[in-house]
Amino acid sequence: GGDDVLLSIENTFTRTGGVSVNSSPLGLSFMLQGPNEFTTTGVTPASYANMPEGLYSVAFDPIAGCISPKPLSDRLVKDSRITLKITVACEGLENLEQVQEEQRALQYVTATINGVKVVFNDAPISTWYAPHVHRMVKTGIMSGYKDENGNLTGLFGPADNVSLAQLAKIAHKLAGIDETKTTMSPQNIRARNTWFSQYYASAEARGWLAFRNTRTDPEQLATRAEVVSTILQALDIPRIWPKGIMFTDVQIETPYSSSIETAATAELVSGNADADGTPLGTFSPDNPINRAELAKILSTAMDLFITTSPEFTGESY
């Protein structure tokens, strides 16, 4: 009572649209200016929504060895979109890092991981394993090597052999198993307090054959037989009784023989062959397996056994 209240209501009517800045090649730095003293800098490609109508101008940074690009301008009207784009062609262009990156992307497996474009410089797209490596890194089942800060280095290591510890993690990723649901520590004391501790404990708890021996060094190389057995167990694939007649080096009493013959029957794996592709009738169950070979087996397992496997679209290798 007795108080006076003053209400001030201010209305702002805004007419807006979209502004895009692009270039060929991509990755050119620019400064964009517009109405109401709007100024911003960025790298192509860039897009801005809900921008007030008016005149916009973009100036691209000079490129060493090239003629400085002229500024571009266009007028934005309500509910429309303008694109300010420049195409640069000159001798100095090949020295730009982004141009060199684009060239590498045409030659090597490339994938966008967590919003970052990664070129795997040791996985040329001309190799037999390129599509399998691409599928693995896109689905997150396998990843490339990382530096001490956790950033991808652009290396996949296709020729590097796989350890039991790595196999444990990869099998969990393939089958979509949450390793954190196993709260106990690994029985294998050499797996405790390691980056793979929970994966190893989960593998032990699930009775995966390759992880039953608690005295095994987790970082020893996984054999071809152990890989096949672990993948089948992780995906809960029924095994057939071994007969010992598929490969000359896989007898009934050979460790993991039922897994090997099950995988071969399903065409998940095949035996050894010579340079001409002629089967040799052997499997080499005790040999190690490299990351390229494992990527192919995992990709094949997804096609054979996983009807709702993670997919990816819209990108080349």
Protein backbone atom coordinates (compact mmCIF):
# COMPACT_ATOMS: atom_id res chain seq x y z
CA GLY A 1 0.00 0.00 0.00
CA GLY A 2 1.29 3.41 -0.96
CA ASP A 3 4.11 1.98 -3.18
CA ASP A 4 4.45 2.96 -6.82
CA VAL A 5 5.72 0.39 -9.32
CA LEU A 6 7.05 1.31 -12.76
CA LEU A 7 7.08 -1.50 -15.35
CA SER A 8 9.21 -1.03 -18.45
CA ILE A 9 8.53 -3.43 -21.35
CA GLU A 10 10.96 -3.47 -24.28
CA ASN A 11 10.20 -5.35 -27.48
CA THR A 12 12.87 -6.31 -30.05
CA PHE A 13 11.80 -7.50 -33.47
CA THR A 14 14.56 -9.43 -35.28
CA ARG A 15 14.62 -10.59 -38.87
CA THR A 16 17.20 -13.36 -39.22
CA GLY A 17 18.71 -15.92 -41.59
CA GLY A 18 21.80 -18.12 -41.99
CA VAL A 19 25.35 -17.33 -43.06
CA SER A 20 27.91 -19.89 -44.25
CA VAL A 21 31.59 -19.44 -45.05
CA ASN A 22 33.31 -22.06 -47.18
CA SER A 23 36.38 -22.56 -49.32
CA SER A 24 38.18 -24.95 -51.61
CA PRO A 25 40.43 -26.22 -50.17
CA LEU A 26 38.89 -26.40 -46.73
CA GLY A 27 40.59 -25.09 -43.64
CA LEU A 28 41.19 -21.47 -44.68
CA SER A 29 41.15 -18.85 -41.92
CA PHE A 30 38.82 -15.87 -42.29
CA MET A 31 37.25 -12.85 -40.59
CA LEU A 32 33.48 -12.33 -40.99
CA GLN A 33 31.83 -8.93 -40.44
CA GLY A 34 28.15 -8.03 -40.43
CA PRO A 35 25.42 -5.73 -39.08
CA ASN A 36 25.49 -4.25 -35.56
CA GLU A 37 29.31 -4.28 -35.57
CA PHE A 38 29.33 -8.09 -35.67
CA THR A 39 32.84 -9.51 -36.15
CA THR A 40 34.13 -13.07 -35.77
CA THR A 41 36.99 -15.21 -36.98
CA GLY A 42 37.02 -18.88 -37.93
CA VAL A 43 38.18 -21.64 -40.23
CA THR A 44 36.21 -22.99 -43.17
CA PRO A 45 33.75 -24.59 -43.29
CA ALA A 46 31.72 -22.53 -40.83
CA SER A 47 28.01 -21.84 -40.43
CA TYR A 48 26.10 -19.29 -38.36
CA ALA A 49 22.36 -19.49 -37.66
CA ASN A 50 19.89 -16.78 -36.55
CA MET A 51 21.99 -13.94 -37.93
CA PRO A 52 20.31 -10.50 -38.32
CA GLU A 53 19.59 -9.46 -41.89
CA GLY A 54 21.99 -7.06 -43.55
CA LEU A 55 25.28 -6.93 -45.43
CA TYR A 56 28.00 -9.49 -44.58
CA SER A 57 31.62 -9.46 -45.73
CA VAL A 58 34.34 -12.07 -45.34
CA ALA A 59 38.09 -11.58 -45.73
CA PHE A 60 40.33 -14.65 -46.03
CA ASP A 61 43.84 -14.70 -44.60
CA PRO A 62 46.66 -14.48 -47.17
CA ILE A 63 48.23 -17.71 -48.42
CA ALA A 64 52.01 -17.79 -48.91
CA GLY A 65 52.86 -17.90 -52.60
CA CYS A 66 49.32 -16.97 -53.71
CA ILE A 67 47.60 -13.74 -54.62
CA SER A 68 45.63 -12.45 -51.60
CA PRO A 69 41.94 -13.39 -52.03
CA LYS A 70 39.56 -10.48 -52.44
CA PRO A 71 36.89 -9.99 -49.73
CA LEU A 72 33.43 -11.36 -50.54
CA SER A 73 30.14 -9.69 -49.64
CA ASP A 74 26.45 -10.55 -49.84
CA ARG A 75 23.20 -9.30 -48.32
CA LEU A 76 21.15 -11.52 -46.04
CA VAL A 77 17.38 -11.15 -45.99
CA LYS A 78 14.85 -12.65 -43.59
CA ASP A 79 14.52 -16.45 -43.57
CA SER A 80 17.18 -16.91 -46.24
CA ARG A 81 20.77 -18.16 -46.32
CA ILE A 82 23.88 -16.79 -47.98
CA THR A 83 27.12 -18.67 -48.63
CA LEU A 84 30.38 -16.79 -48.97
CA LYS A 85 32.75 -19.19 -50.73
CA ILE A 86 36.13 -18.88 -52.40
CA THR A 87 38.09 -21.29 -54.59
CA VAL A 88 41.85 -20.90 -54.47
CA ALA A 89 44.25 -22.31 -57.08
CA CYS A 90 47.95 -21.46 -57.05
CA GLU A 91 51.38 -23.08 -56.74
CA GLY A 92 51.71 -22.25 -53.06
CA LEU A 93 48.51 -24.13 -52.25
CA GLU A 94 50.20 -27.52 -52.11
CA ASN A 95 52.23 -26.38 -49.11
CA LEU A 96 49.16 -25.76 -46.97
CA GLU A 97 48.79 -28.29 -44.16
CA GLN A 98 45.06 -28.73 -44.83
CA VAL A 99 45.70 -29.50 -48.52
CA GLN A 100 48.31 -32.09 -47.59
CA GLU A 101 45.84 -33.53 -45.07
CA GLU A 102 43.18 -33.85 -47.78
CA GLN A 103 45.65 -35.66 -50.02
CA ARG A 104 46.50 -38.11 -47.22
CA ALA A 105 42.79 -38.69 -46.62
CA LEU A 106 42.49 -39.89 -50.22
CA GLN A 107 45.27 -42.42 -49.71
CA TYR A 108 44.71 -43.76 -46.19
CA VAL A 109 41.87 -44.95 -43.98
CA THR A 110 40.14 -41.87 -42.61
CA ALA A 111 37.42 -41.67 -39.98
CA THR A 112 35.78 -39.03 -37.81
CA ILE A 113 36.09 -40.13 -34.19
CA ASN A 114 34.47 -38.08 -31.43
CA GLY A 115 34.15 -35.18 -33.85
CA VAL A 116 37.80 -35.29 -34.89
CA LYS A 117 38.93 -36.36 -38.37
CA VAL A 118 41.71 -38.93 -38.06
CA VAL A 119 43.87 -40.17 -40.93
CA PHE A 120 45.50 -43.54 -40.22
CA ASN A 121 48.79 -43.11 -42.04
CA ASP A 122 49.77 -46.78 -41.76
CA ALA A 123 46.54 -48.11 -43.29
CA PRO A 124 46.51 -47.35 -47.06
CA ILE A 125 43.10 -47.76 -48.68
CA SER A 126 44.69 -49.99 -51.33
CA THR A 127 45.31 -52.77 -48.78
CA TRP A 128 43.02 -55.75 -48.21
CA TYR A 129 42.47 -54.79 -44.59
CA ALA A 130 41.46 -51.15 -45.17
CA PRO A 131 37.65 -51.68 -45.07
CA HIS A 132 37.93 -53.80 -41.94
CA VAL A 133 40.13 -51.28 -40.14
CA HIS A 134 37.70 -48.51 -41.08
CA ARG A 135 34.75 -50.46 -39.73
CA MET A 136 36.51 -51.22 -36.46
CA VAL A 137 37.57 -47.64 -35.73
CA LYS A 138 34.16 -46.25 -36.73
CA THR A 139 32.29 -48.63 -34.45
CA GLY A 140 34.80 -48.19 -31.63
CA ILE A 141 35.53 -51.90 -31.35
CA MET A 142 39.18 -51.19 -32.03
CA SER A 143 41.01 -47.88 -31.97
CA GLY A 144 44.29 -46.50 -33.16
CA TYR A 145 47.22 -45.78 -30.90
CA LYS A 146 47.03 -42.79 -28.55
CA ASP A 147 49.68 -40.53 -27.09
CA GLU A 148 50.26 -39.94 -23.37
CA ASN A 149 47.45 -37.37 -23.37
CA GLY A 150 44.93 -39.78 -24.85
CA ASN A 151 44.93 -38.21 -28.32
CA LEU A 152 44.90 -40.43 -31.40
CA THR A 153 48.25 -40.43 -33.18
CA GLY A 154 47.02 -41.48 -36.63
CA LEU A 155 48.55 -44.95 -36.34
CA PHE A 156 46.56 -48.21 -36.27
CA GLY A 157 49.45 -50.68 -36.19
CA PRO A 158 48.04 -53.28 -38.63
CA ALA A 159 51.17 -55.46 -38.41
CA ASP A 160 51.35 -55.36 -34.59
CA ASN A 161 50.40 -58.54 -32.77
CA VAL A 162 47.55 -58.60 -30.24
CA SER A 163 47.99 -59.43 -26.55
CA LEU A 164 45.55 -61.30 -24.31
CA ALA A 165 44.82 -58.06 -22.45
CA GLN A 166 43.94 -56.29 -25.69
CA LEU A 167 41.83 -59.25 -26.77
CA ALA A 168 39.83 -59.05 -23.55
CA LYS A 169 38.91 -55.42 -24.18
CA ILE A 170 38.15 -55.92 -27.88
CA ALA A 171 35.88 -58.91 -27.20
CA HIS A 172 33.89 -56.86 -24.68
CA LYS A 173 33.50 -54.05 -27.22
CA LEU A 174 32.41 -56.47 -29.95
CA ALA A 175 29.74 -58.14 -27.83
CA GLY A 176 28.60 -54.96 -26.10
CA ILE A 177 29.46 -56.35 -22.66
CA ASP A 178 29.75 -53.88 -19.78
CA GLU A 179 32.95 -54.86 -18.00
CA THR A 180 32.17 -52.59 -15.02
CA LYS A 181 29.42 -54.96 -13.87
CA THR A 182 32.19 -57.27 -12.66
CA THR A 183 33.31 -55.61 -9.45
CA MET A 184 35.82 -58.19 -8.22
CA SER A 185 39.55 -57.99 -8.89
CA PRO A 186 41.15 -60.34 -11.44
CA GLN A 187 42.33 -63.65 -10.06
CA ASN A 188 45.42 -63.23 -12.21
CA ILE A 189 47.53 -60.96 -10.00
CA ARG A 190 49.44 -59.58 -12.99
CA ALA A 191 46.19 -58.12 -14.32
CA ARG A 192 45.49 -56.12 -11.17
CA ASN A 193 45.93 -52.33 -11.11
CA THR A 194 46.28 -52.17 -14.88
CA TRP A 195 44.30 -50.42 -17.63
CA PHE A 196 42.76 -53.79 -18.52
CA SER A 197 41.98 -54.92 -14.97
CA GLN A 198 38.17 -54.83 -15.28
CA TYR A 199 38.17 -56.40 -18.75
CA TYR A 200 40.34 -59.24 -17.49
CA ALA A 201 38.24 -59.77 -14.35
CA SER A 202 35.09 -59.85 -16.47
CA ALA A 203 36.65 -62.36 -18.88
CA GLU A 204 37.61 -64.61 -15.96
CA ALA A 205 34.15 -64.33 -14.40
CA ARG A 206 32.53 -65.31 -17.69
CA GLY A 207 34.71 -68.39 -17.96
CA TRP A 208 36.37 -67.46 -21.22
CA LEU A 209 38.78 -70.31 -21.86
CA ALA A 210 41.77 -68.19 -22.87
CA PHE A 211 41.68 -66.46 -19.46
CA ARG A 212 41.25 -69.44 -17.14
CA ASN A 213 44.94 -69.93 -16.39
CA THR A 214 45.57 -67.34 -13.68
CA ARG A 215 49.34 -67.66 -14.07
CA THR A 216 49.36 -66.55 -17.70
CA ASP A 217 51.00 -63.23 -18.49
CA PRO A 218 48.11 -60.98 -19.67
CA GLU A 219 50.45 -59.15 -22.00
CA GLN A 220 51.65 -62.25 -23.81
CA LEU A 221 50.57 -62.55 -27.44
CA ALA A 222 47.17 -64.10 -28.04
CA THR A 223 47.18 -67.09 -30.37
CA ARG A 224 44.89 -67.60 -33.33
CA ALA A 225 43.09 -70.33 -31.40
CA GLU A 226 42.59 -68.11 -28.33
CA VAL A 227 41.22 -65.29 -30.49
CA VAL A 228 38.68 -67.54 -32.21
CA SER A 229 37.60 -69.13 -28.93
CA THR A 230 37.18 -65.77 -27.17
CA ILE A 231 35.12 -64.24 -29.98
CA LEU A 232 32.76 -67.23 -30.07
CA GLN A 233 32.35 -67.20 -26.28
CA ALA A 234 31.82 -63.44 -26.13
CA LEU A 235 29.04 -63.72 -28.73
CA ASP A 236 27.66 -66.89 -27.12
CA ILE A 237 27.93 -68.95 -30.32
CA PRO A 238 27.30 -72.71 -29.86
CA ARG A 239 30.27 -74.88 -30.78
CA ILE A 240 30.31 -78.12 -32.71
CA TRP A 241 32.09 -81.28 -31.61
CA PRO A 242 35.57 -81.40 -33.20
CA LYS A 243 36.44 -84.20 -35.59
CA GLY A 244 40.08 -83.37 -36.23
CA ILE A 245 39.81 -83.64 -40.02
CA MET A 246 39.54 -80.01 -41.15
CA PHE A 247 43.20 -79.04 -40.67
CA THR A 248 46.25 -81.25 -40.43
CA ASP A 249 47.54 -79.32 -37.40
CA VAL A 250 44.22 -79.32 -35.49
CA GLN A 251 43.41 -82.67 -33.91
CA ILE A 252 40.54 -83.55 -31.59
CA GLU A 253 42.81 -83.14 -28.58
CA THR A 254 44.20 -79.79 -29.79
CA PRO A 255 43.30 -76.98 -27.36
CA TYR A 256 40.33 -74.95 -28.65
CA SER A 257 39.75 -77.47 -31.49
CA SER A 258 35.96 -77.19 -31.20
CA SER A 259 36.16 -73.40 -31.49
CA ILE A 260 38.51 -73.59 -34.47
CA GLU A 261 36.31 -76.04 -36.37
CA THR A 262 33.14 -74.11 -35.48
CA ALA A 263 34.67 -70.87 -36.77
CA ALA A 264 35.93 -72.53 -39.95
CA THR A 265 32.56 -74.18 -40.61
CA ALA A 266 30.83 -70.79 -40.23
CA GLU A 267 33.49 -69.25 -42.51
CA LEU A 268 34.53 -66.87 -39.76
CA VAL A 269 38.12 -67.93 -40.42
CA SER A 270 39.96 -69.97 -43.00
CA GLY A 271 43.17 -71.94 -42.99
CA ASN A 272 46.56 -70.94 -44.32
CA ALA A 273 47.15 -70.47 -48.02
CA ASP A 274 50.19 -69.97 -50.25
CA ALA A 275 50.98 -66.85 -52.28
CA ASP A 276 48.58 -67.95 -55.02
CA GLY A 277 45.72 -68.49 -52.58
CA THR A 278 45.90 -72.27 -52.67
CA PRO A 279 44.81 -73.76 -49.30
CA LEU A 280 47.60 -75.50 -47.39
CA GLY A 281 45.28 -77.47 -45.11
CA THR A 282 46.74 -75.96 -41.93
CA PHE A 283 45.49 -73.41 -39.39
CA SER A 284 48.54 -72.61 -37.20
CA PRO A 285 46.51 -72.43 -33.96
CA ASP A 286 49.50 -71.40 -31.82
CA ASN A 287 50.63 -68.53 -34.04
CA PRO A 288 50.02 -64.92 -32.94
CA ILE A 289 47.56 -62.70 -34.81
CA ASN A 290 48.11 -59.12 -35.93
CA ARG A 291 45.67 -56.22 -35.71
CA ALA A 292 44.83 -56.25 -39.42
CA GLU A 293 43.92 -59.96 -39.32
CA LEU A 294 41.90 -59.44 -36.15
CA ALA A 295 40.02 -56.52 -37.73
CA LYS A 296 38.95 -58.79 -40.59
CA ILE A 297 37.79 -61.56 -38.23
CA LEU A 298 35.81 -59.09 -36.11
CA SER A 299 34.19 -57.53 -39.17
CA THR A 300 33.23 -60.98 -40.43
CA ALA A 301 31.84 -61.91 -37.01
CA MET A 302 29.62 -58.84 -37.08
CA ASP A 303 28.22 -59.89 -40.46
CA LEU A 304 27.70 -63.50 -39.40
CA PHE A 305 26.47 -63.25 -35.84
CA ILE A 306 25.36 -59.70 -34.95
CA THR A 307 22.10 -58.62 -36.55
CA THR A 308 22.12 -55.19 -34.87
CA SER A 309 25.78 -54.36 -35.32
CA PRO A 310 26.89 -50.69 -35.16
CA GLU A 311 26.83 -49.09 -38.58
CA PHE A 312 28.36 -46.03 -40.17
CA THR A 313 27.38 -44.02 -43.21
CA GLY A 314 28.41 -41.08 -45.29
CA GLU A 315 32.18 -41.45 -45.24
CA SER A 316 34.84 -43.04 -47.38
CA TYR A 317 37.69 -45.12 -46.01
